[in-house]
Amino acid sequence: MRRRLSKGAALLIAAALFTGGAVSQEMEGITVEAKRVEKTEVKTPGIVPEYLLRASYRVTYEDLDVSTQAGRDEVKRRVEKAADLACREIQREYPFAEPRHQQCASEAARRAMAEFKTRVATR
């Protein structure tokens, strides 16, 4: 009798193979998370469903010397790029979500850089 893997089990195995063991050895980095809200109108007065949409990217910096200005500038560049990508990803699927792209990217980058500065300060 042949056994088949469920889709969930197959995805977990594929993720483990794809990450090459990165789950057990997480790289030094921060998560850049974009958040936007999609509001949907319904015919019921006073009810407006809101959907919180999120997309995130991991920005690593273990290859950088963050004690230098050049290293910190590169982290900022990576964070801003990741924030832009995350917000564009949401915008592609939900073009009317708020805040708009530029504000979404700016807020995501600001939150991630605050996390980065806290981590670097506590080293």
Protein backbone atom coordinates (compact mmCIF):
# COMPACT_ATOMS: atom_id res chain seq x y z
CA MET A 1 0.00 0.00 0.00
CA ARG A 2 1.38 3.41 -0.98
CA ARG A 3 1.17 6.28 1.48
CA ARG A 4 0.84 9.85 0.34
CA LEU A 5 1.99 12.92 2.19
CA SER A 6 -0.57 15.53 2.99
CA LYS A 7 -0.02 18.91 1.34
CA GLY A 8 0.87 20.41 4.73
CA ALA A 9 3.51 17.77 5.43
CA ALA A 10 4.98 18.16 1.95
CA LEU A 11 5.19 21.93 2.39
CA LEU A 12 6.94 21.55 5.75
CA ILE A 13 9.50 19.19 4.25
CA ALA A 14 10.04 21.50 1.27
CA ALA A 15 10.47 24.50 3.58
CA ALA A 16 13.03 22.64 5.68
CA LEU A 17 14.98 21.61 2.58
CA PHE A 18 14.76 25.07 1.03
CA THR A 19 16.03 26.84 4.15
CA GLY A 20 18.94 24.47 4.41
CA GLY A 21 18.66 24.24 8.16
CA ALA A 22 18.23 27.97 8.65
CA VAL A 23 15.46 27.26 11.12
CA SER A 24 17.97 25.97 13.65
CA GLN A 25 20.58 28.62 12.84
CA GLU A 26 18.71 31.87 12.42
CA MET A 27 20.78 34.58 10.78
CA GLU A 28 21.27 37.86 12.57
CA GLY A 29 18.67 40.21 11.23
CA ILE A 30 15.39 42.02 11.65
CA THR A 31 11.91 41.57 10.24
CA VAL A 32 10.47 44.35 8.11
CA GLU A 33 6.69 44.11 8.31
CA ALA A 34 4.27 46.12 6.19
CA LYS A 35 0.75 46.62 7.53
CA ARG A 36 -2.22 47.93 5.60
CA VAL A 37 -5.98 47.87 6.14
CA GLU A 38 -8.58 46.99 3.52
CA LYS A 39 -12.09 48.24 4.25
CA THR A 40 -15.05 46.63 2.57
CA GLU A 41 -18.43 48.26 2.28
CA VAL A 42 -21.43 46.17 3.17
CA LYS A 43 -25.11 46.92 2.89
CA THR A 44 -25.63 46.83 6.66
CA PRO A 45 -25.54 50.37 8.07
CA GLY A 46 -22.84 50.94 10.67
CA ILE A 47 -20.78 47.86 9.81
CA VAL A 48 -17.52 48.20 7.91
CA PRO A 49 -15.32 45.10 7.92
CA GLU A 50 -11.59 45.88 8.06
CA TYR A 51 -8.93 43.38 7.10
CA LEU A 52 -5.42 43.83 8.46
CA LEU A 53 -3.01 42.87 5.71
CA ARG A 54 0.62 42.04 6.44
CA ALA A 55 3.67 41.15 4.42
CA SER A 56 7.13 40.76 5.85
CA TYR A 57 10.70 40.27 4.76
CA ARG A 58 13.75 39.26 6.78
CA VAL A 59 16.74 41.60 6.43
CA THR A 60 20.04 40.12 7.51
CA TYR A 61 23.15 42.06 8.41
CA GLU A 62 25.58 39.50 9.74
CA ASP A 63 27.77 40.16 6.69
CA LEU A 64 28.09 43.85 7.65
CA ASP A 65 30.16 45.72 10.20
CA VAL A 66 27.34 47.67 11.84
CA SER A 67 29.81 49.53 14.04
CA THR A 68 30.68 51.62 10.98
CA GLN A 69 28.54 54.26 9.29
CA ALA A 70 28.85 52.38 5.99
CA GLY A 71 27.48 49.20 7.61
CA ARG A 72 24.56 51.04 9.20
CA ASP A 73 23.81 52.82 5.91
CA GLU A 74 23.67 49.46 4.13
CA VAL A 75 21.25 48.07 6.74
CA LYS A 76 19.04 51.11 6.20
CA ARG A 77 19.16 50.61 2.41
CA ARG A 78 18.18 46.94 2.79
CA VAL A 79 15.37 47.78 5.21
CA GLU A 80 13.95 50.46 2.91
CA LYS A 81 14.07 48.05 -0.04
CA ALA A 82 12.34 45.31 1.97
CA ALA A 83 9.66 47.77 3.15
CA ASP A 84 9.06 48.87 -0.43
CA LEU A 85 8.74 45.25 -1.62
CA ALA A 86 6.38 44.29 1.22
CA CYS A 87 4.08 47.26 0.61
CA ARG A 88 4.08 46.66 -3.15
CA GLU A 89 3.14 43.03 -2.53
CA ILE A 90 0.08 44.10 -0.55
CA GLN A 91 -0.78 46.85 -3.04
CA ARG A 92 -0.75 44.38 -5.93
CA GLU A 93 -3.46 42.28 -4.28
CA TYR A 94 -5.33 45.09 -2.46
CA PRO A 95 -4.89 48.34 -4.40
CA PHE A 96 -7.25 50.35 -2.18
CA ALA A 97 -5.76 49.35 1.18
CA GLU A 98 -4.67 52.13 3.53
CA PRO A 99 -2.21 53.66 4.11
CA ARG A 100 -1.05 54.20 0.56
CA HIS A 101 2.24 52.71 -0.63
CA GLN A 102 4.66 55.51 0.31
CA GLN A 103 3.34 55.88 3.87
CA CYS A 104 3.18 52.09 4.28
CA ALA A 105 6.84 51.72 3.27
CA SER A 106 7.96 54.64 5.41
CA GLU A 107 6.22 53.28 8.53
CA ALA A 108 7.51 49.73 7.97
CA ALA A 109 11.09 50.99 7.55
CA ARG A 110 10.80 53.24 10.61
CA ARG A 111 9.64 50.33 12.82
CA ALA A 112 12.37 48.01 11.53
CA MET A 113 15.13 50.60 11.97
CA ALA A 114 13.97 51.25 15.55
CA GLU A 115 14.29 47.50 16.22
CA PHE A 116 17.73 47.45 14.59
CA LYS A 117 18.97 50.39 16.67
CA THR A 118 17.75 48.72 19.86
CA ARG A 119 19.54 45.49 18.99
CA VAL A 120 22.78 47.23 18.10
CA ALA A 121 22.66 49.34 21.29
CA THR A 122 22.28 46.24 23.48
CA ARG A 123 25.25 44.36 22.01
